[in-house]
Amino acid sequence: MTLREKVGQLLMVGFRGLQAGPRSSILRAVEAGLVGGVVLFDTDAALRRDWRNIASPAQVRKLIASLQRVAPLPLLVAVDQEGGRVARLKKRHGFADLPSARALGEADDPGATGKAAAATAAMLAEAGFNLNFAPVVDLDSFPDNPVIGRLGRSFGADPLRVVRHARAVVAAHRRHGVACCLKHFPGHGSSRGDSHLGFTDVSDTWRPEEIEPYRALIAEGLADAVMSAHVFNRRLDPALPASLSPTVLAGLLRRDLGFAGALFSDDLDMRAIRGRFTRRQALELALNAGNDVLLLGNNLAYDAGAAGRAVAALLEAEAAGRIDPRRIAEACGRVLELKARLAAPGRKP
């Protein structure tokens, strides 16, 4: 693969549209190898519009198939389908309504959680998705947390309970050929703020037990992928948020916990990052920190040419010596390894 092709594999982008016609920017980007994956949303945050990529099961299948058809390599096609309030595929679109992590954790029946997760995974696979940004393994250590606790996204405050239910979720998805992404490392459950909206400091609230679900699931071989969090913790890194920190990602997650799989940044357009870094800086820092897939949701603010500009920025940084080509090759290798375990619809890995 050329350096440009490798860089393209590291990008996952969001886009506008219920279909991808020949003139659409996303179809052209996929066909040109500028992205290795796409993420779908139900609403458009920038336009404050209640539709973006999802209208019905048939429409979603057709949209995903049209992108896979032109991709030089099979795409990772992701969605946030946690259940409860965080579900992009909703009942009004013709998809099944499924319980929240909190409801499942309170019932504390891993068998029931496995059945709910199997229904989710079957629905995703039928639509053409091969990656679910779930389960959340943050601890519910602050129930009034605006982005985790209030939304019922955690299985509970007990790490062992979280592991029991996350284990059931991952196993059910694997049976349907869908990968899971554990989130948000090293823990977002204790935050008092929302990293979608701005700088989020957990230095005084974060506890080491928040990494225990990762430790257990990685040790059991159940971490298909992990997503890094845009939380700042001066006890772990005095300068950078976790998602941009080599100390947290290359050190704590990879060296100490032994994670060797694909690491996804959380959306680099979130204001915790874009409020302090340009997109070029964020891309460069995120890749150098150890993220393998750089996620541009392209939803809080929209740029039809986001993929091309991101590829150009990363290639310029490599040419200037700010990114080691070995880091690009390493990240691309992890992306391709994940894809090799996922037969994209109608394609061979």
Protein backbone atom coordinates (compact mmCIF):
# COMPACT_ATOMS: atom_id res chain seq x y z
CA MET A 1 0.00 0.00 0.00
CA THR A 2 1.13 3.55 -0.65
CA LEU A 3 1.49 5.98 2.24
CA ARG A 4 -1.66 7.79 1.07
CA GLU A 5 -3.62 4.55 1.03
CA LYS A 6 -2.44 3.71 4.54
CA VAL A 7 -3.42 7.15 5.83
CA GLY A 8 -6.87 6.79 4.27
CA GLN A 9 -7.44 3.59 6.25
CA LEU A 10 -6.97 5.53 9.48
CA LEU A 11 -9.91 7.86 8.90
CA MET A 12 -13.55 7.29 9.79
CA VAL A 13 -15.87 10.12 8.82
CA GLY A 14 -19.50 11.11 9.06
CA PHE A 15 -21.41 12.56 6.14
CA ARG A 16 -24.75 14.00 5.12
CA GLY A 17 -27.36 12.20 3.07
CA LEU A 18 -29.80 9.32 3.03
CA GLN A 19 -28.20 8.03 -0.15
CA ALA A 20 -24.77 8.20 -1.78
CA GLY A 21 -25.20 9.08 -5.44
CA PRO A 22 -22.35 9.29 -7.97
CA ARG A 23 -21.80 12.98 -7.22
CA SER A 24 -21.90 12.74 -3.43
CA SER A 25 -18.74 13.77 -1.59
CA ILE A 26 -18.76 10.66 0.59
CA LEU A 27 -18.99 8.24 -2.34
CA ARG A 28 -16.12 10.02 -4.07
CA ALA A 29 -14.03 9.93 -0.88
CA VAL A 30 -14.68 6.22 -0.37
CA GLU A 31 -13.94 5.39 -4.00
CA ALA A 32 -10.67 7.36 -3.82
CA GLY A 33 -9.55 5.50 -0.71
CA LEU A 34 -9.60 8.64 1.45
CA VAL A 35 -11.45 6.86 4.28
CA GLY A 36 -11.32 3.43 5.83
CA GLY A 37 -14.67 3.73 7.54
CA VAL A 38 -17.86 5.73 7.94
CA VAL A 39 -20.15 6.47 10.88
CA LEU A 40 -23.90 7.02 10.52
CA PHE A 41 -26.11 9.35 12.57
CA ASP A 42 -29.84 9.83 12.80
CA THR A 43 -29.78 13.61 13.43
CA ASP A 44 -27.74 16.48 12.01
CA ALA A 45 -26.40 18.49 14.94
CA ALA A 46 -25.06 21.40 12.89
CA LEU A 47 -28.35 21.92 11.04
CA ARG A 48 -30.46 20.99 14.09
CA ARG A 49 -32.36 18.68 11.80
CA ASP A 50 -33.96 15.43 12.89
CA TRP A 51 -32.61 13.36 10.01
CA ARG A 52 -29.20 12.74 8.49
CA ASN A 53 -28.38 9.17 7.34
CA ILE A 54 -31.20 7.02 8.72
CA ALA A 55 -34.81 6.81 7.56
CA SER A 56 -35.69 3.09 7.35
CA PRO A 57 -34.05 -0.35 7.40
CA ALA A 58 -34.24 -0.68 3.61
CA GLN A 59 -32.78 2.79 3.05
CA VAL A 60 -29.87 2.14 5.44
CA ARG A 61 -29.07 -1.19 3.79
CA LYS A 62 -29.02 0.47 0.37
CA LEU A 63 -26.85 3.37 1.58
CA ILE A 64 -24.24 1.12 3.18
CA ALA A 65 -24.19 -1.29 0.24
CA SER A 66 -23.62 1.57 -2.21
CA LEU A 67 -20.54 2.68 -0.24
CA GLN A 68 -19.14 -0.83 0.22
CA ARG A 69 -19.55 -1.46 -3.50
CA VAL A 70 -17.03 1.25 -4.48
CA ALA A 71 -14.59 0.87 -1.57
CA PRO A 72 -11.08 -0.34 -2.56
CA LEU A 73 -11.04 -2.23 0.77
CA PRO A 74 -14.10 -3.15 2.84
CA LEU A 75 -15.25 -0.29 5.02
CA LEU A 76 -15.74 -0.28 8.74
CA VAL A 77 -19.33 0.93 9.08
CA ALA A 78 -20.09 2.11 12.59
CA VAL A 79 -23.00 3.40 14.63
CA ASP A 80 -23.72 4.21 18.29
CA GLN A 81 -26.39 1.64 19.11
CA GLU A 82 -26.15 1.26 22.88
CA GLY A 83 -29.86 0.93 23.61
CA GLY A 84 -32.07 3.23 25.62
CA ARG A 85 -31.56 6.91 24.88
CA VAL A 86 -28.39 6.45 22.83
CA ALA A 87 -29.61 4.61 19.76
CA ARG A 88 -29.25 5.99 16.25
CA LEU A 89 -31.56 3.32 14.81
CA LYS A 90 -34.84 4.23 16.42
CA LYS A 91 -38.34 2.84 16.57
CA ARG A 92 -39.63 5.71 14.42
CA HIS A 93 -37.24 4.51 11.68
CA GLY A 94 -38.64 0.99 11.83
CA PHE A 95 -36.00 -0.52 14.12
CA ALA A 96 -36.57 -2.31 17.42
CA ASP A 97 -36.56 -0.38 20.69
CA LEU A 98 -34.02 -1.93 23.10
CA PRO A 99 -33.34 -1.36 26.83
CA SER A 100 -30.67 0.93 28.24
CA ALA A 101 -27.50 -0.31 29.90
CA ARG A 102 -28.78 1.02 33.23
CA ALA A 103 -31.99 -1.00 32.99
CA LEU A 104 -30.04 -4.15 32.12
CA GLY A 105 -27.52 -3.54 34.89
CA GLU A 106 -30.22 -2.99 37.48
CA ALA A 107 -31.89 -6.27 36.49
CA ASP A 108 -28.42 -7.86 36.64
CA ASP A 109 -29.31 -10.82 34.47
CA PRO A 110 -26.45 -11.33 31.98
CA GLY A 111 -28.62 -13.78 30.05
CA ALA A 112 -31.22 -11.07 29.43
CA THR A 113 -28.47 -8.65 28.49
CA GLY A 114 -27.13 -11.19 26.01
CA LYS A 115 -30.58 -11.56 24.42
CA ALA A 116 -30.99 -7.79 24.08
CA ALA A 117 -27.48 -7.50 22.62
CA ALA A 118 -28.17 -10.35 20.19
CA ALA A 119 -31.26 -8.53 18.95
CA THR A 120 -29.18 -5.38 18.51
CA ALA A 121 -26.38 -7.19 16.71
CA ALA A 122 -28.75 -9.03 14.38
CA MET A 123 -30.41 -5.74 13.49
CA LEU A 124 -27.03 -4.11 12.81
CA ALA A 125 -25.76 -7.00 10.70
CA GLU A 126 -28.94 -7.06 8.64
CA ALA A 127 -28.55 -3.34 7.92
CA GLY A 128 -24.89 -3.71 6.91
CA PHE A 129 -23.09 -2.36 9.99
CA ASN A 130 -20.02 -4.25 11.18
CA LEU A 131 -19.01 -2.10 14.18
CA ASN A 132 -21.02 -0.94 17.15
CA PHE A 133 -19.61 1.85 19.33
CA ALA A 134 -20.79 -0.06 22.39
CA PRO A 135 -20.83 -1.22 25.11
CA VAL A 136 -20.14 1.68 27.42
CA VAL A 137 -17.94 0.34 30.22
CA ASP A 138 -17.77 3.62 32.14
CA LEU A 139 -18.75 3.22 35.79
CA ASP A 140 -21.90 4.97 36.96
CA SER A 141 -19.92 6.64 39.74
CA PHE A 142 -21.70 10.00 39.43
CA PRO A 143 -25.38 9.46 38.54
CA ASP A 144 -25.83 13.16 37.70
CA ASN A 145 -23.08 12.96 35.05
CA PRO A 146 -24.61 14.80 32.06
CA VAL A 147 -23.25 12.47 29.38
CA ILE A 148 -23.23 9.03 31.10
CA GLY A 149 -25.28 8.88 34.29
CA ARG A 150 -28.26 11.03 33.31
CA LEU A 151 -28.60 9.12 30.05
CA GLY A 152 -28.56 5.66 31.64
CA ARG A 153 -25.56 4.56 29.56
CA SER A 154 -23.69 2.60 32.26
CA PHE A 155 -24.42 -0.88 33.59
CA GLY A 156 -23.61 0.32 37.12
CA ALA A 157 -21.03 1.58 39.60
CA ASP A 158 -19.55 -1.86 40.34
CA PRO A 159 -16.74 -2.83 37.94
CA LEU A 160 -17.61 -6.52 38.25
CA ARG A 161 -21.22 -5.87 37.24
CA VAL A 162 -20.08 -3.78 34.28
CA VAL A 163 -17.77 -6.60 33.16
CA ARG A 164 -20.52 -9.24 33.47
CA HIS A 165 -22.83 -7.33 31.17
CA ALA A 166 -20.20 -6.06 28.75
CA ARG A 167 -19.01 -9.65 28.34
CA ALA A 168 -22.53 -10.68 27.31
CA VAL A 169 -22.80 -7.77 24.86
CA VAL A 170 -19.50 -8.52 23.12
CA ALA A 171 -20.21 -12.25 22.85
CA ALA A 172 -23.64 -11.63 21.32
CA HIS A 173 -22.27 -9.19 18.75
CA ARG A 174 -19.50 -11.58 17.76
CA ARG A 175 -22.02 -14.30 17.02
CA HIS A 176 -23.54 -11.98 14.43
CA GLY A 177 -20.22 -10.85 12.93
CA VAL A 178 -20.33 -7.36 14.44
CA ALA A 179 -17.37 -5.94 16.38
CA CYS A 180 -17.77 -3.95 19.59
CA CYS A 181 -15.84 -0.90 20.74
CA LEU A 182 -15.45 -0.48 24.50
CA LYS A 183 -15.73 3.15 25.60
CA HIS A 184 -14.61 5.68 26.94
CA PHE A 185 -11.04 4.96 28.11
CA PRO A 186 -9.79 5.64 30.79
CA GLY A 187 -13.26 6.45 32.17
CA HIS A 188 -15.90 9.15 31.66
CA GLY A 189 -18.38 8.06 34.31
CA SER A 190 -17.10 10.35 37.06
CA SER A 191 -17.08 13.54 34.97
CA ARG A 192 -19.15 16.55 35.94
CA GLY A 193 -19.04 17.91 32.39
CA ASP A 194 -19.80 16.80 28.84
CA SER A 195 -16.81 16.55 26.48
CA HIS A 196 -19.16 17.15 23.54
CA LEU A 197 -19.59 20.68 24.84
CA GLY A 198 -16.16 21.64 26.15
CA PHE A 199 -13.10 20.95 28.31
CA THR A 200 -13.84 18.15 30.76
CA ASP A 201 -11.55 17.74 33.78
CA VAL A 202 -11.88 14.54 35.84
CA SER A 203 -8.65 15.01 37.82
CA ASP A 204 -10.45 15.26 41.17
CA THR A 205 -13.21 12.72 40.52
CA TRP A 206 -11.61 9.88 38.52
CA ARG A 207 -10.66 6.71 40.41
CA PRO A 208 -8.30 3.91 39.30
CA GLU A 209 -11.15 1.39 39.49
CA GLU A 210 -12.55 2.99 36.32
CA ILE A 211 -10.00 1.08 34.23
CA GLU A 212 -10.87 -2.30 35.79
CA PRO A 213 -13.49 -3.22 33.15
CA TYR A 214 -10.85 -2.70 30.47
CA ARG A 215 -8.30 -4.74 32.37
CA ALA A 216 -10.70 -7.68 32.71
CA LEU A 217 -12.13 -7.62 29.18
CA ILE A 218 -8.72 -7.21 27.54
CA ALA A 219 -7.38 -10.12 29.59
CA GLU A 220 -10.33 -12.25 28.43
CA GLY A 221 -9.75 -11.37 24.77
CA LEU A 222 -13.05 -9.51 24.57
CA ALA A 223 -11.77 -6.10 23.47
CA ASP A 224 -12.34 -5.96 19.71
CA ALA A 225 -11.62 -2.23 19.84
CA VAL A 226 -11.41 0.57 22.39
CA MET A 227 -12.40 4.25 22.16
CA SER A 228 -10.35 6.91 23.92
CA ALA A 229 -12.06 9.69 25.90
CA HIS A 230 -11.59 13.44 25.62
CA VAL A 231 -11.26 13.80 29.37
CA PHE A 232 -8.38 15.63 31.06
CA ASN A 233 -6.80 14.02 34.12
CA ARG A 234 -3.71 15.77 35.42
CA ARG A 235 -2.89 12.71 37.53
CA LEU A 236 -2.40 10.72 34.33
CA ASP A 237 -1.10 13.48 32.03
CA PRO A 238 -0.57 17.08 33.22
CA ALA A 239 -0.80 18.56 29.73
CA LEU A 240 -3.07 16.62 27.38
CA PRO A 241 -6.54 15.02 27.42
CA ALA A 242 -6.51 11.22 27.48
CA SER A 243 -7.40 10.90 23.79
CA LEU A 244 -4.27 12.85 22.80
CA SER A 245 -1.93 11.49 25.45
CA PRO A 246 0.83 8.95 24.70
CA THR A 247 1.14 8.42 28.46
CA VAL A 248 -2.48 7.30 28.74
CA LEU A 249 -2.83 5.41 25.46
CA ALA A 250 0.60 3.98 24.61
CA GLY A 251 1.48 3.70 28.29
CA LEU A 252 -1.54 2.81 30.43
CA LEU A 253 -3.74 1.13 27.83
CA ARG A 254 -1.23 -0.66 25.63
CA ARG A 255 1.80 -1.29 27.84
CA ASP A 256 0.15 -1.71 31.25
CA LEU A 257 -3.18 -3.32 30.27
CA GLY A 258 -1.82 -5.16 27.23
CA PHE A 259 -4.34 -3.94 24.67
CA ALA A 260 -3.10 -4.76 21.15
CA GLY A 261 -6.21 -4.10 19.07
CA ALA A 262 -7.58 -1.12 17.16
CA LEU A 263 -7.88 2.08 19.17
CA PHE A 264 -10.44 4.67 18.05
CA SER A 265 -10.38 8.30 19.05
CA ASP A 266 -13.67 9.73 20.17
CA ASP A 267 -15.01 12.29 17.70
CA LEU A 268 -12.24 14.82 17.16
CA ASP A 269 -14.86 17.46 16.35
CA MET A 270 -16.13 17.46 19.93
CA ARG A 271 -15.62 20.80 21.63
CA ALA A 272 -13.31 19.36 24.29
CA ILE A 273 -10.83 19.06 21.42
CA ARG A 274 -11.88 21.65 18.85
CA GLY A 275 -12.05 24.30 21.55
CA ARG A 276 -8.30 23.92 22.17
CA PHE A 277 -6.78 22.46 19.03
CA THR A 278 -7.15 22.96 15.30
CA ARG A 279 -8.28 19.91 13.35
CA ARG A 280 -4.72 19.52 11.98
CA GLN A 281 -3.28 19.57 15.48
CA ALA A 282 -5.91 17.16 16.76
CA LEU A 283 -5.29 14.66 13.96
CA GLU A 284 -1.54 14.77 14.46
CA LEU A 285 -1.66 14.54 18.26
CA ALA A 286 -4.28 11.77 18.23
CA LEU A 287 -2.29 9.58 15.85
CA ASN A 288 1.00 10.15 17.68
CA ALA A 289 -0.68 9.33 20.99
CA GLY A 290 -1.57 5.85 19.75
CA ASN A 291 -5.04 6.09 18.22
CA ASP A 292 -5.33 3.93 15.09
CA VAL A 293 -8.62 5.29 13.77
CA LEU A 294 -9.21 9.03 13.77
CA LEU A 295 -12.93 9.67 14.06
CA LEU A 296 -14.39 12.79 12.44
CA GLY A 297 -18.10 12.72 13.12
CA ASN A 298 -18.46 15.76 10.85
CA ASN A 299 -21.73 16.49 12.60
CA LEU A 300 -21.21 19.23 15.18
CA ALA A 301 -19.73 21.23 12.30
CA TYR A 302 -19.87 20.01 8.71
CA ASP A 303 -17.18 19.94 6.03
CA ALA A 304 -17.97 18.04 2.83
CA GLY A 305 -14.24 17.83 2.08
CA ALA A 306 -13.22 16.68 5.56
CA ALA A 307 -11.69 13.38 4.40
CA GLY A 308 -9.49 14.89 1.72
CA ARG A 309 -8.30 17.67 3.99
CA ALA A 310 -7.51 15.24 6.79
CA VAL A 311 -5.48 12.98 4.49
CA ALA A 312 -3.56 16.00 3.19
CA ALA A 313 -2.87 17.22 6.73
CA LEU A 314 -1.52 13.85 7.86
CA LEU A 315 0.64 13.45 4.77
CA GLU A 316 2.06 16.94 5.29
CA ALA A 317 2.83 16.15 8.93
CA GLU A 318 4.61 12.95 7.90
CA ALA A 319 6.63 14.77 5.24
CA ALA A 320 7.64 17.39 7.82
CA GLY A 321 8.80 14.69 10.24
CA ARG A 322 6.08 15.28 12.83
CA ILE A 323 4.57 11.80 12.30
CA ASP A 324 6.75 8.71 11.98
CA PRO A 325 5.76 6.59 8.96
CA ARG A 326 6.15 3.55 11.23
CA ARG A 327 3.28 4.89 13.38
CA ILE A 328 1.11 5.12 10.26
CA ALA A 329 2.05 1.59 9.22
CA GLU A 330 1.37 0.25 12.73
CA ALA A 331 -2.05 1.90 12.90
CA CYS A 332 -2.98 0.73 9.40
CA GLY A 333 -1.96 -2.80 10.31
CA ARG A 334 -4.36 -2.81 13.26
CA VAL A 335 -7.20 -1.47 11.12
CA LEU A 336 -6.61 -4.13 8.48
CA GLU A 337 -6.42 -6.83 11.15
CA LEU A 338 -9.82 -5.77 12.48
CA LYS A 339 -11.25 -5.74 8.97
CA ALA A 340 -9.83 -9.20 8.31
CA ARG A 341 -12.02 -10.48 11.15
CA LEU A 342 -15.10 -8.83 9.74
CA ALA A 343 -16.51 -9.96 6.41
CA ALA A 344 -18.14 -6.77 5.15
CA PRO A 345 -21.51 -7.39 3.40
CA GLY A 346 -20.95 -8.84 -0.05
CA ARG A 347 -17.17 -8.61 0.25
CA LYS A 348 -14.27 -10.80 1.35
CA PRO A 349 -11.79 -9.35 3.87
